[in-house]
Amino acid sequence: MANPKKIAVILAAHGEAESAGFMENYRVSRRTLQHASTVMAVPPVLQTGISLFSTLKKKLRPAANGSPHNRITRQQAELLQRYLDACSLNSDVSFAVLSAFSASDPAVEEVIDATSHCDARILVSMSPVDNDLTCGQLCRYLGGKLTTDDLSRVTVISRFWSDPTLYGLCAGHVVAESASHGLQRSEANTLLLLFHGTLVGDSRGEPPRFRTGRHETAHFAEQLTAAIEKDATHPYGRVVTAYLNHDVGGEWTKPSFEEVAGQLRRSGVANVALFAAGYFADGNETLHRAEELRRMTSSSAAVRSIPCMNASGAFTRYLGRRVVGAVSQILRRPFP
């Protein structure tokens, strides 16, 4: 077959420590803050102090262990490789699907550089919401590193937050998982949609000077809520949005997870399901939220977690179709 095309597909995720080891957790925290310092003032001394404090706090946590976030991302890459291999049978295209991380190894920048020999590269921003620290970080690196000719052979897949297909996929996932819990429609059932919080105003009350993803997150939350409520088989009397804030550096999005927990404590709900819609893979931000909610509400309500999309077949097919569309654009012809 003449002139076969090699395409690298890079799943660019945040990355978390896979063990409870002190140095691994410290490096992940420090790299996260180094990236954050490109859009907000976080002096090196403060980066070191925050990283040390955060790592010690994790180390002292009972039953501390590593995060499955990176492992899930690697599984997502493996399943996507199989999907694309099947799509490229009898074609002049082959794929190498790789996982890469912003805060852990292998670093996104290193994987981008290591695939420069490929005929094209497709970067998938593994965050539902775009901001200056997700898709923005990728684009800044590409713009500063690659020539115009190189950039013509690179595509970044993002804007998941505005894709109605994803709304439907997530809604179907939530309804199916809820059915497995045996829930029937009742006003006593509440669904809690969790999203990563964003900075609204700095310590002086000024709006952030970078793209936080606040409006994109709000749009995603609104559209996903509507998609779930449109499904007549969902069992929830209320669908509520809550933000997982860091509460440092100024004012953050509302209502926070803690504020919603207080509301639930006073409402007397019987069942609460948590779905971390703002994440494609479970990890430190999502896994312990049901336990935290039980502790904060101190009620007899049943609290359950619905897993993120993770390495599910439906999510693999969704990503695969997005990649196939990008390949057609790069090749300027239909694929497969």
C-alpha atoms as a PDB file:
ATOM      1  CA  MET A   1       0.000   0.000   0.000  1.00  0.00           C
ATOM      2  CA  ALA A   2       1.533   3.312  -1.104  1.00  0.00           C
ATOM      3  CA  ASN A   3       2.409   6.030   1.402  1.00  0.00           C
ATOM      4  CA  PRO A   4       0.791   4.626   4.558  1.00  0.00           C
ATOM      5  CA  LYS A   5      -0.150   7.296   7.101  1.00  0.00           C
ATOM      6  CA  LYS A   6       0.832   6.959  10.763  1.00  0.00           C
ATOM      7  CA  ILE A   7      -1.371   8.965  13.113  1.00  0.00           C
ATOM      8  CA  ALA A   8      -0.648   9.437  16.810  1.00  0.00           C
ATOM      9  CA  VAL A   9      -3.679   9.924  19.046  1.00  0.00           C
ATOM     10  CA  ILE A  10      -2.723  11.373  22.435  1.00  0.00           C
ATOM     11  CA  LEU A  11      -5.188  11.267  25.326  1.00  0.00           C
ATOM     12  CA  ALA A  12      -4.082  14.284  27.355  1.00  0.00           C
ATOM     13  CA  ALA A  13      -5.383  13.907  30.928  1.00  0.00           C
ATOM     14  CA  HIS A  14      -4.547  15.733  34.138  1.00  0.00           C
ATOM     15  CA  GLY A  15      -2.744  12.881  35.865  1.00  0.00           C
ATOM     16  CA  GLU A  16      -2.588  11.895  39.539  1.00  0.00           C
ATOM     17  CA  ALA A  17      -0.260   9.956  41.837  1.00  0.00           C
ATOM     18  CA  GLU A  18      -0.732   6.208  41.485  1.00  0.00           C
ATOM     19  CA  SER A  19       0.673   5.390  44.913  1.00  0.00           C
ATOM     20  CA  ALA A  20       0.686   6.842  48.410  1.00  0.00           C
ATOM     21  CA  GLY A  21       4.414   7.550  48.020  1.00  0.00           C
ATOM     22  CA  PHE A  22       5.519  10.932  49.334  1.00  0.00           C
ATOM     23  CA  MET A  23       7.728  11.954  46.400  1.00  0.00           C
ATOM     24  CA  GLU A  24       5.244  10.923  43.719  1.00  0.00           C
ATOM     25  CA  ASN A  25       2.443  12.906  45.358  1.00  0.00           C
ATOM     26  CA  TYR A  26       4.742  15.879  45.895  1.00  0.00           C
ATOM     27  CA  ARG A  27       5.821  15.927  42.227  1.00  0.00           C
ATOM     28  CA  VAL A  28       2.209  15.758  41.018  1.00  0.00           C
ATOM     29  CA  SER A  29       1.164  18.613  43.305  1.00  0.00           C
ATOM     30  CA  ARG A  30       4.178  20.723  42.358  1.00  0.00           C
ATOM     31  CA  ARG A  31       3.682  20.241  38.628  1.00  0.00           C
ATOM     32  CA  THR A  32      -0.005  21.136  38.987  1.00  0.00           C
ATOM     33  CA  LEU A  33       0.917  24.387  40.702  1.00  0.00           C
ATOM     34  CA  GLN A  34       3.658  25.151  38.193  1.00  0.00           C
ATOM     35  CA  HIS A  35       1.094  24.960  35.421  1.00  0.00           C
ATOM     36  CA  ALA A  36      -1.358  27.054  37.444  1.00  0.00           C
ATOM     37  CA  SER A  37       1.318  29.726  37.898  1.00  0.00           C
ATOM     38  CA  THR A  38       1.289  30.353  34.130  1.00  0.00           C
ATOM     39  CA  VAL A  39      -2.134  31.996  34.446  1.00  0.00           C
ATOM     40  CA  MET A  40      -2.235  33.168  38.085  1.00  0.00           C
ATOM     41  CA  ALA A  41       0.274  34.384  40.648  1.00  0.00           C
ATOM     42  CA  VAL A  42       1.592  31.394  42.607  1.00  0.00           C
ATOM     43  CA  PRO A  43       5.187  32.197  43.726  1.00  0.00           C
ATOM     44  CA  PRO A  44       7.661  29.267  43.770  1.00  0.00           C
ATOM     45  CA  VAL A  45       7.946  29.383  47.556  1.00  0.00           C
ATOM     46  CA  LEU A  46       4.172  29.121  47.885  1.00  0.00           C
ATOM     47  CA  GLN A  47       4.113  26.270  45.348  1.00  0.00           C
ATOM     48  CA  THR A  48       6.590  24.348  47.489  1.00  0.00           C
ATOM     49  CA  GLY A  49       4.693  25.034  50.713  1.00  0.00           C
ATOM     50  CA  ILE A  50       1.301  24.068  49.309  1.00  0.00           C
ATOM     51  CA  SER A  51       2.734  20.915  47.740  1.00  0.00           C
ATOM     52  CA  LEU A  52       4.376  19.818  50.982  1.00  0.00           C
ATOM     53  CA  PHE A  53       1.223  20.482  53.016  1.00  0.00           C
ATOM     54  CA  SER A  54      -1.018  18.721  50.496  1.00  0.00           C
ATOM     55  CA  THR A  55       1.278  15.690  50.341  1.00  0.00           C
ATOM     56  CA  LEU A  56       1.541  15.371  54.116  1.00  0.00           C
ATOM     57  CA  LYS A  57      -2.239  15.648  54.472  1.00  0.00           C
ATOM     58  CA  LYS A  58      -2.723  12.801  51.970  1.00  0.00           C
ATOM     59  CA  LYS A  59      -0.052  10.716  53.707  1.00  0.00           C
ATOM     60  CA  LEU A  60      -1.780  11.066  57.070  1.00  0.00           C
ATOM     61  CA  ARG A  61      -5.223  10.227  55.696  1.00  0.00           C
ATOM     62  CA  PRO A  62      -6.500   6.860  56.974  1.00  0.00           C
ATOM     63  CA  ALA A  63      -6.162   4.089  54.381  1.00  0.00           C
ATOM     64  CA  ALA A  64      -4.309   6.448  52.035  1.00  0.00           C
ATOM     65  CA  ASN A  65      -3.630   4.906  48.646  1.00  0.00           C
ATOM     66  CA  GLY A  66      -3.049   5.880  45.061  1.00  0.00           C
ATOM     67  CA  SER A  67      -5.519   7.161  42.486  1.00  0.00           C
ATOM     68  CA  PRO A  68      -6.909   5.006  39.624  1.00  0.00           C
ATOM     69  CA  HIS A  69      -7.073   8.065  37.329  1.00  0.00           C
ATOM     70  CA  ASN A  70      -3.944   7.257  35.289  1.00  0.00           C
ATOM     71  CA  ARG A  71      -4.757   3.548  35.071  1.00  0.00           C
ATOM     72  CA  ILE A  72      -8.257   4.343  33.787  1.00  0.00           C
ATOM     73  CA  THR A  73      -6.781   6.716  31.191  1.00  0.00           C
ATOM     74  CA  ARG A  74      -4.431   3.981  29.977  1.00  0.00           C
ATOM     75  CA  GLN A  75      -7.412   1.626  29.703  1.00  0.00           C
ATOM     76  CA  GLN A  76      -9.257   4.284  27.699  1.00  0.00           C
ATOM     77  CA  ALA A  77      -6.262   4.463  25.345  1.00  0.00           C
ATOM     78  CA  GLU A  78      -6.145   0.675  24.941  1.00  0.00           C
ATOM     79  CA  LEU A  79      -9.847   0.450  24.081  1.00  0.00           C
ATOM     80  CA  LEU A  80      -9.615   3.381  21.687  1.00  0.00           C
ATOM     81  CA  GLN A  81      -6.635   1.694  19.982  1.00  0.00           C
ATOM     82  CA  ARG A  82      -8.769  -1.400  19.321  1.00  0.00           C
ATOM     83  CA  TYR A  83     -11.633   0.715  18.010  1.00  0.00           C
ATOM     84  CA  LEU A  84      -9.387   2.637  15.602  1.00  0.00           C
ATOM     85  CA  ASP A  85      -7.570  -0.520  14.517  1.00  0.00           C
ATOM     86  CA  ALA A  86     -10.923  -1.959  13.473  1.00  0.00           C
ATOM     87  CA  CYS A  87     -11.797   1.264  11.619  1.00  0.00           C
ATOM     88  CA  SER A  88      -8.489   1.303   9.726  1.00  0.00           C
ATOM     89  CA  LEU A  89      -8.578  -2.273   8.392  1.00  0.00           C
ATOM     90  CA  ASN A  90      -7.783  -2.295   4.652  1.00  0.00           C
ATOM     91  CA  SER A  91      -6.940   1.424   4.729  1.00  0.00           C
ATOM     92  CA  ASP A  92      -3.696   3.346   4.312  1.00  0.00           C
ATOM     93  CA  VAL A  93      -3.869   4.645   7.898  1.00  0.00           C
ATOM     94  CA  SER A  94      -2.519   3.194  11.145  1.00  0.00           C
ATOM     95  CA  PHE A  95      -2.867   4.547  14.657  1.00  0.00           C
ATOM     96  CA  ALA A  96      -0.790   4.736  17.810  1.00  0.00           C
ATOM     97  CA  VAL A  97      -2.978   5.701  20.776  1.00  0.00           C
ATOM     98  CA  LEU A  98      -1.032   6.997  23.765  1.00  0.00           C
ATOM     99  CA  SER A  99      -1.953   8.306  27.209  1.00  0.00           C
ATOM    100  CA  ALA A 100      -0.168  11.386  28.565  1.00  0.00           C
ATOM    101  CA  PHE A 101      -0.552  13.606  31.596  1.00  0.00           C
ATOM    102  CA  SER A 102      -0.220  17.208  32.637  1.00  0.00           C
ATOM    103  CA  ALA A 103       0.849  16.549  36.228  1.00  0.00           C
ATOM    104  CA  SER A 104       2.410  13.073  36.110  1.00  0.00           C
ATOM    105  CA  ASP A 105       4.433  10.877  33.770  1.00  0.00           C
ATOM    106  CA  PRO A 106       4.589  10.495  30.852  1.00  0.00           C
ATOM    107  CA  ALA A 107       4.235  14.257  30.418  1.00  0.00           C
ATOM    108  CA  VAL A 108       2.031  15.541  27.608  1.00  0.00           C
ATOM    109  CA  GLU A 109       4.869  17.686  26.265  1.00  0.00           C
ATOM    110  CA  GLU A 110       7.232  14.712  26.091  1.00  0.00           C
ATOM    111  CA  VAL A 111       4.696  12.553  24.255  1.00  0.00           C
ATOM    112  CA  ILE A 112       3.969  15.354  21.779  1.00  0.00           C
ATOM    113  CA  ASP A 113       7.696  15.667  21.052  1.00  0.00           C
ATOM    114  CA  ALA A 114       8.185  11.887  20.806  1.00  0.00           C
ATOM    115  CA  THR A 115       5.497  11.605  18.100  1.00  0.00           C
ATOM    116  CA  SER A 116       6.890  14.325  15.825  1.00  0.00           C
ATOM    117  CA  HIS A 117       7.793  11.663  13.228  1.00  0.00           C
ATOM    118  CA  CYS A 118       4.116  10.765  12.689  1.00  0.00           C
ATOM    119  CA  ASP A 119       2.244  12.035   9.660  1.00  0.00           C
ATOM    120  CA  ALA A 120      -0.354  13.611  11.935  1.00  0.00           C
ATOM    121  CA  ARG A 121      -1.130  14.001  15.615  1.00  0.00           C
ATOM    122  CA  ILE A 122      -4.539  14.217  17.268  1.00  0.00           C
ATOM    123  CA  LEU A 123      -4.634  15.450  20.856  1.00  0.00           C
ATOM    124  CA  VAL A 124      -7.751  14.665  22.868  1.00  0.00           C
ATOM    125  CA  SER A 125      -8.220  17.004  25.841  1.00  0.00           C
ATOM    126  CA  MET A 126      -9.558  14.556  28.440  1.00  0.00           C
ATOM    127  CA  SER A 127     -11.572  17.153  30.290  1.00  0.00           C
ATOM    128  CA  PRO A 128     -15.236  17.880  29.547  1.00  0.00           C
ATOM    129  CA  VAL A 129     -14.674  21.623  30.080  1.00  0.00           C
ATOM    130  CA  ASP A 130     -12.084  23.808  28.345  1.00  0.00           C
ATOM    131  CA  ASN A 131     -10.071  26.381  30.250  1.00  0.00           C
ATOM    132  CA  ASP A 132      -6.573  27.855  30.229  1.00  0.00           C
ATOM    133  CA  LEU A 133      -5.230  24.922  32.270  1.00  0.00           C
ATOM    134  CA  THR A 134      -6.686  22.128  30.112  1.00  0.00           C
ATOM    135  CA  CYS A 135      -7.097  22.750  26.391  1.00  0.00           C
ATOM    136  CA  GLY A 136      -5.400  26.138  26.760  1.00  0.00           C
ATOM    137  CA  GLN A 137      -2.229  24.554  28.117  1.00  0.00           C
ATOM    138  CA  LEU A 138      -2.085  22.173  25.137  1.00  0.00           C
ATOM    139  CA  CYS A 139      -2.574  24.954  22.607  1.00  0.00           C
ATOM    140  CA  ARG A 140       0.043  27.198  24.216  1.00  0.00           C
ATOM    141  CA  TYR A 141       2.629  24.438  24.053  1.00  0.00           C
ATOM    142  CA  LEU A 142       1.784  23.560  20.452  1.00  0.00           C
ATOM    143  CA  GLY A 143       1.831  27.205  19.379  1.00  0.00           C
ATOM    144  CA  GLY A 144       5.201  27.842  20.982  1.00  0.00           C
ATOM    145  CA  LYS A 145       6.842  24.612  19.865  1.00  0.00           C
ATOM    146  CA  LEU A 146       5.634  23.717  16.377  1.00  0.00           C
ATOM    147  CA  THR A 147       6.135  25.345  12.998  1.00  0.00           C
ATOM    148  CA  THR A 148       3.238  26.371  10.800  1.00  0.00           C
ATOM    149  CA  ASP A 149       3.733  23.213   8.733  1.00  0.00           C
ATOM    150  CA  ASP A 150       3.731  21.058  11.879  1.00  0.00           C
ATOM    151  CA  LEU A 151       0.553  22.720  13.128  1.00  0.00           C
ATOM    152  CA  SER A 152      -1.209  21.920   9.862  1.00  0.00           C
ATOM    153  CA  ARG A 153      -0.877  18.235  10.806  1.00  0.00           C
ATOM    154  CA  VAL A 154      -2.119  18.594  14.403  1.00  0.00           C
ATOM    155  CA  THR A 155      -5.717  18.637  15.635  1.00  0.00           C
ATOM    156  CA  VAL A 156      -6.928  19.198  19.191  1.00  0.00           C
ATOM    157  CA  ILE A 157     -10.263  17.604  20.079  1.00  0.00           C
ATOM    158  CA  SER A 158     -12.044  19.590  22.784  1.00  0.00           C
ATOM    159  CA  ARG A 159     -15.327  21.495  23.361  1.00  0.00           C
ATOM    160  CA  PHE A 160     -16.971  18.417  24.852  1.00  0.00           C
ATOM    161  CA  TRP A 161     -19.008  20.739  27.082  1.00  0.00           C
ATOM    162  CA  SER A 162     -20.962  21.972  24.044  1.00  0.00           C
ATOM    163  CA  ASP A 163     -21.627  18.584  22.399  1.00  0.00           C
ATOM    164  CA  PRO A 164     -25.269  17.407  22.578  1.00  0.00           C
ATOM    165  CA  THR A 165     -24.095  13.856  21.836  1.00  0.00           C
ATOM    166  CA  LEU A 166     -22.127  13.864  25.090  1.00  0.00           C
ATOM    167  CA  TYR A 167     -25.143  15.174  27.008  1.00  0.00           C
ATOM    168  CA  GLY A 168     -27.163  12.215  25.747  1.00  0.00           C
ATOM    169  CA  LEU A 169     -24.369   9.758  26.487  1.00  0.00           C
ATOM    170  CA  CYS A 170     -23.997  10.985  30.082  1.00  0.00           C
ATOM    171  CA  ALA A 171     -27.756  11.084  30.639  1.00  0.00           C
ATOM    172  CA  GLY A 172     -28.103   7.500  29.431  1.00  0.00           C
ATOM    173  CA  HIS A 173     -25.226   6.434  31.668  1.00  0.00           C
ATOM    174  CA  VAL A 174     -26.817   8.072  34.727  1.00  0.00           C
ATOM    175  CA  VAL A 175     -30.248   6.570  34.071  1.00  0.00           C
ATOM    176  CA  ALA A 176     -28.833   3.072  33.477  1.00  0.00           C
ATOM    177  CA  GLU A 177     -26.720   3.195  36.642  1.00  0.00           C
ATOM    178  CA  SER A 178     -29.684   4.511  38.646  1.00  0.00           C
ATOM    179  CA  ALA A 179     -31.848   1.635  37.418  1.00  0.00           C
ATOM    180  CA  SER A 180     -29.213  -0.811  38.667  1.00  0.00           C
ATOM    181  CA  HIS A 181     -29.669   0.750  42.134  1.00  0.00           C
ATOM    182  CA  GLY A 182     -33.355  -0.211  42.002  1.00  0.00           C
ATOM    183  CA  LEU A 183     -34.587   3.375  42.400  1.00  0.00           C
ATOM    184  CA  GLN A 184     -38.116   4.329  41.375  1.00  0.00           C
ATOM    185  CA  ARG A 185     -39.260   7.897  40.631  1.00  0.00           C
ATOM    186  CA  SER A 186     -39.712   9.775  43.898  1.00  0.00           C
ATOM    187  CA  GLU A 187     -39.399  13.305  45.240  1.00  0.00           C
ATOM    188  CA  ALA A 188     -37.239  11.771  47.979  1.00  0.00           C
ATOM    189  CA  ASN A 189     -34.494  10.942  45.428  1.00  0.00           C
ATOM    190  CA  THR A 190     -31.892  13.563  44.536  1.00  0.00           C
ATOM    191  CA  LEU A 191     -29.206  13.444  41.851  1.00  0.00           C
ATOM    192  CA  LEU A 192     -26.120  15.526  42.562  1.00  0.00           C
ATOM    193  CA  LEU A 193     -24.089  16.534  39.498  1.00  0.00           C
ATOM    194  CA  LEU A 194     -20.516  17.383  40.503  1.00  0.00           C
ATOM    195  CA  PHE A 195     -18.306  19.763  38.521  1.00  0.00           C
ATOM    196  CA  HIS A 196     -14.834  21.131  39.142  1.00  0.00           C
ATOM    197  CA  GLY A 197     -15.197  24.553  40.719  1.00  0.00           C
ATOM    198  CA  THR A 198     -13.759  27.674  39.109  1.00  0.00           C
ATOM    199  CA  LEU A 199     -12.481  30.967  40.446  1.00  0.00           C
ATOM    200  CA  VAL A 200     -15.048  33.756  40.175  1.00  0.00           C
ATOM    201  CA  GLY A 201     -13.098  36.606  41.767  1.00  0.00           C
ATOM    202  CA  ASP A 202      -9.600  36.987  43.185  1.00  0.00           C
ATOM    203  CA  SER A 203      -8.769  38.083  46.735  1.00  0.00           C
ATOM    204  CA  ARG A 204      -9.540  41.693  45.740  1.00  0.00           C
ATOM    205  CA  GLY A 205     -12.837  40.754  44.106  1.00  0.00           C
ATOM    206  CA  GLU A 206     -11.515  41.225  40.577  1.00  0.00           C
ATOM    207  CA  PRO A 207     -12.532  38.708  37.905  1.00  0.00           C
ATOM    208  CA  PRO A 208      -9.749  36.302  36.893  1.00  0.00           C
ATOM    209  CA  ARG A 209      -7.626  37.399  33.932  1.00  0.00           C
ATOM    210  CA  PHE A 210      -7.633  33.957  32.390  1.00  0.00           C
ATOM    211  CA  ARG A 211     -10.205  31.594  30.943  1.00  0.00           C
ATOM    212  CA  THR A 212     -11.533  29.662  33.931  1.00  0.00           C
ATOM    213  CA  GLY A 213     -14.180  27.605  32.144  1.00  0.00           C
ATOM    214  CA  ARG A 214     -16.892  28.980  34.421  1.00  0.00           C
ATOM    215  CA  HIS A 215     -19.409  29.743  31.681  1.00  0.00           C
ATOM    216  CA  GLU A 216     -18.622  26.517  29.830  1.00  0.00           C
ATOM    217  CA  THR A 217     -19.203  24.525  33.018  1.00  0.00           C
ATOM    218  CA  ALA A 218     -22.504  26.284  33.694  1.00  0.00           C
ATOM    219  CA  HIS A 219     -23.656  25.566  30.131  1.00  0.00           C
ATOM    220  CA  PHE A 220     -22.686  21.899  30.407  1.00  0.00           C
ATOM    221  CA  ALA A 221     -24.483  21.587  33.759  1.00  0.00           C
ATOM    222  CA  GLU A 222     -27.647  23.201  32.375  1.00  0.00           C
ATOM    223  CA  GLN A 223     -27.733  21.071  29.238  1.00  0.00           C
ATOM    224  CA  LEU A 224     -26.946  17.813  31.031  1.00  0.00           C
ATOM    225  CA  THR A 225     -29.645  18.502  33.625  1.00  0.00           C
ATOM    226  CA  ALA A 226     -32.140  19.086  30.815  1.00  0.00           C
ATOM    227  CA  ALA A 227     -31.079  15.856  29.059  1.00  0.00           C
ATOM    228  CA  ILE A 228     -31.551  13.814  32.240  1.00  0.00           C
ATOM    229  CA  GLU A 229     -34.899  15.394  33.091  1.00  0.00           C
ATOM    230  CA  LYS A 230     -36.088  14.758  29.528  1.00  0.00           C
ATOM    231  CA  ASP A 231     -35.630  11.002  30.064  1.00  0.00           C
ATOM    232  CA  ALA A 232     -38.940   9.782  31.462  1.00  0.00           C
ATOM    233  CA  THR A 233     -37.268   6.801  33.144  1.00  0.00           C
ATOM    234  CA  HIS A 234     -35.023   8.748  35.519  1.00  0.00           C
ATOM    235  CA  PRO A 235     -35.922   8.273  39.200  1.00  0.00           C
ATOM    236  CA  TYR A 236     -35.067  11.704  40.639  1.00  0.00           C
ATOM    237  CA  GLY A 237     -37.292  14.352  42.149  1.00  0.00           C
ATOM    238  CA  ARG A 238     -34.445  16.883  41.935  1.00  0.00           C
ATOM    239  CA  VAL A 239     -31.261  17.238  39.886  1.00  0.00           C
ATOM    240  CA  VAL A 240     -28.821  19.568  41.650  1.00  0.00           C
ATOM    241  CA  THR A 241     -25.460  21.002  40.569  1.00  0.00           C
ATOM    242  CA  ALA A 242     -22.599  21.297  43.076  1.00  0.00           C
ATOM    243  CA  TYR A 243     -19.058  22.582  42.594  1.00  0.00           C
ATOM    244  CA  LEU A 244     -15.915  21.007  44.006  1.00  0.00           C
ATOM    245  CA  ASN A 245     -14.049  24.152  45.023  1.00  0.00           C
ATOM    246  CA  HIS A 246     -10.557  24.637  46.421  1.00  0.00           C
ATOM    247  CA  ASP A 247     -11.589  27.745  48.401  1.00  0.00           C
ATOM    248  CA  VAL A 248      -8.208  29.447  48.097  1.00  0.00           C
ATOM    249  CA  GLY A 249      -7.289  32.678  46.357  1.00  0.00           C
ATOM    250  CA  GLY A 250     -10.713  34.321  46.321  1.00  0.00           C
ATOM    251  CA  GLU A 251     -14.375  33.627  45.545  1.00  0.00           C
ATOM    252  CA  TRP A 252     -15.360  30.335  43.907  1.00  0.00           C
ATOM    253  CA  THR A 253     -18.438  28.999  42.130  1.00  0.00           C
ATOM    254  CA  LYS A 254     -21.665  28.373  44.006  1.00  0.00           C
ATOM    255  CA  PRO A 255     -23.274  26.293  45.277  1.00  0.00           C
ATOM    256  CA  SER A 256     -20.305  24.426  46.651  1.00  0.00           C
ATOM    257  CA  PHE A 257     -20.400  20.740  47.532  1.00  0.00           C
ATOM    258  CA  GLU A 258     -20.407  21.717  51.215  1.00  0.00           C
ATOM    259  CA  GLU A 259     -23.333  24.131  50.762  1.00  0.00           C
ATOM    260  CA  VAL A 260     -25.396  21.492  48.968  1.00  0.00           C
ATOM    261  CA  ALA A 261     -24.567  18.975  51.701  1.00  0.00           C
ATOM    262  CA  GLY A 262     -26.071  21.390  54.223  1.00  0.00           C
ATOM    263  CA  GLN A 263     -29.217  21.764  52.119  1.00  0.00           C
ATOM    264  CA  LEU A 264     -29.583  17.983  51.831  1.00  0.00           C
ATOM    265  CA  ARG A 265     -29.119  17.575  55.569  1.00  0.00           C
ATOM    266  CA  ARG A 266     -32.110  19.830  56.160  1.00  0.00           C
ATOM    267  CA  SER A 267     -34.289  18.444  53.355  1.00  0.00           C
ATOM    268  CA  GLY A 268     -34.821  14.885  54.593  1.00  0.00           C
ATOM    269  CA  VAL A 269     -34.080  13.142  51.305  1.00  0.00           C
ATOM    270  CA  ALA A 270     -34.081   9.331  51.292  1.00  0.00           C
ATOM    271  CA  ASN A 271     -31.654   8.670  48.418  1.00  0.00           C
ATOM    272  CA  VAL A 272     -28.804  10.700  46.957  1.00  0.00           C
ATOM    273  CA  ALA A 273     -26.807   9.691  43.891  1.00  0.00           C
ATOM    274  CA  LEU A 274     -23.583  11.501  42.987  1.00  0.00           C
ATOM    275  CA  PHE A 275     -22.323  11.745  39.409  1.00  0.00           C
ATOM    276  CA  ALA A 276     -19.061  13.605  38.750  1.00  0.00           C
ATOM    277  CA  ALA A 277     -20.113  14.926  35.348  1.00  0.00           C
ATOM    278  CA  GLY A 278     -17.150  17.290  35.143  1.00  0.00           C
ATOM    279  CA  TYR A 279     -14.656  14.408  34.870  1.00  0.00           C
ATOM    280  CA  PHE A 280     -14.079  11.650  32.316  1.00  0.00           C
ATOM    281  CA  ALA A 281     -12.199   9.394  34.755  1.00  0.00           C
ATOM    282  CA  ASP A 282     -12.600   8.806  38.467  1.00  0.00           C
ATOM    283  CA  GLY A 283      -9.776   9.889  40.756  1.00  0.00           C
ATOM    284  CA  ASN A 284      -8.961  11.809  43.920  1.00  0.00           C
ATOM    285  CA  GLU A 285     -11.522  14.518  43.167  1.00  0.00           C
ATOM    286  CA  THR A 286     -14.430  12.080  42.815  1.00  0.00           C
ATOM    287  CA  LEU A 287     -13.942   8.767  44.597  1.00  0.00           C
ATOM    288  CA  HIS A 288     -14.516   9.758  48.220  1.00  0.00           C
ATOM    289  CA  ARG A 289     -17.378  12.217  47.744  1.00  0.00           C
ATOM    290  CA  ALA A 290     -20.149   9.811  48.740  1.00  0.00           C
ATOM    291  CA  GLU A 291     -18.355   9.077  52.008  1.00  0.00           C
ATOM    292  CA  GLU A 292     -17.832  12.806  52.611  1.00  0.00           C
ATOM    293  CA  LEU A 293     -21.499  13.516  51.926  1.00  0.00           C
ATOM    294  CA  ARG A 294     -22.597  10.836  54.401  1.00  0.00           C
ATOM    295  CA  ARG A 295     -20.353  12.365  57.036  1.00  0.00           C
ATOM    296  CA  MET A 296     -21.531  15.930  56.390  1.00  0.00           C
ATOM    297  CA  THR A 297     -25.240  15.134  56.276  1.00  0.00           C
ATOM    298  CA  SER A 298     -25.219  12.689  59.220  1.00  0.00           C
ATOM    299  CA  SER A 299     -28.551  11.334  58.033  1.00  0.00           C
ATOM    300  CA  SER A 300     -30.081   7.972  57.252  1.00  0.00           C
ATOM    301  CA  ALA A 301     -30.244   8.775  53.533  1.00  0.00           C
ATOM    302  CA  ALA A 302     -28.721   6.198  51.203  1.00  0.00           C
ATOM    303  CA  VAL A 303     -25.814   7.798  49.331  1.00  0.00           C
ATOM    304  CA  ARG A 304     -24.448   6.156  46.178  1.00  0.00           C
ATOM    305  CA  SER A 305     -21.833   7.078  43.598  1.00  0.00           C
ATOM    306  CA  ILE A 306     -22.343   6.734  39.873  1.00  0.00           C
ATOM    307  CA  PRO A 307     -18.927   6.177  38.270  1.00  0.00           C
ATOM    308  CA  CYS A 308     -17.541   8.560  35.663  1.00  0.00           C
ATOM    309  CA  MET A 309     -17.652   7.432  32.039  1.00  0.00           C
ATOM    310  CA  ASN A 310     -14.230   5.833  32.640  1.00  0.00           C
ATOM    311  CA  ALA A 311     -13.193   3.096  30.183  1.00  0.00           C
ATOM    312  CA  SER A 312     -16.716   2.173  29.125  1.00  0.00           C
ATOM    313  CA  GLY A 313     -17.540   0.851  25.686  1.00  0.00           C
ATOM    314  CA  ALA A 314     -20.014   3.657  25.009  1.00  0.00           C
ATOM    315  CA  PHE A 315     -17.411   6.304  25.838  1.00  0.00           C
ATOM    316  CA  THR A 316     -14.796   4.547  23.676  1.00  0.00           C
ATOM    317  CA  ARG A 317     -17.150   4.598  20.703  1.00  0.00           C
ATOM    318  CA  TYR A 318     -17.906   8.265  21.319  1.00  0.00           C
ATOM    319  CA  LEU A 319     -14.219   9.216  21.408  1.00  0.00           C
ATOM    320  CA  GLY A 320     -13.569   6.987  18.414  1.00  0.00           C
ATOM    321  CA  ARG A 321     -16.155   8.790  16.305  1.00  0.00           C
ATOM    322  CA  ARG A 322     -14.638  12.150  17.289  1.00  0.00           C
ATOM    323  CA  VAL A 323     -11.171  10.927  16.276  1.00  0.00           C
ATOM    324  CA  VAL A 324     -12.428   9.499  12.973  1.00  0.00           C
ATOM    325  CA  GLY A 325     -13.987  12.874  12.163  1.00  0.00           C
ATOM    326  CA  ALA A 326     -10.680  14.604  12.895  1.00  0.00           C
ATOM    327  CA  VAL A 327      -8.804  12.144  10.665  1.00  0.00           C
ATOM    328  CA  SER A 328     -11.125  12.940   7.770  1.00  0.00           C
ATOM    329  CA  GLN A 329     -10.346  16.634   8.208  1.00  0.00           C
ATOM    330  CA  ILE A 330      -6.585  16.044   8.329  1.00  0.00           C
ATOM    331  CA  LEU A 331      -6.582  13.756   5.274  1.00  0.00           C
ATOM    332  CA  ARG A 332      -9.099  15.989   3.468  1.00  0.00           C
ATOM    333  CA  ARG A 333     -11.048  12.929   2.442  1.00  0.00           C
ATOM    334  CA  PRO A 334     -13.578  10.605   4.064  1.00  0.00           C
ATOM    335  CA  PHE A 335     -12.208   8.088   6.568  1.00  0.00           C
ATOM    336  CA  PRO A 336     -12.595   5.169   6.851  1.00  0.00           C
END
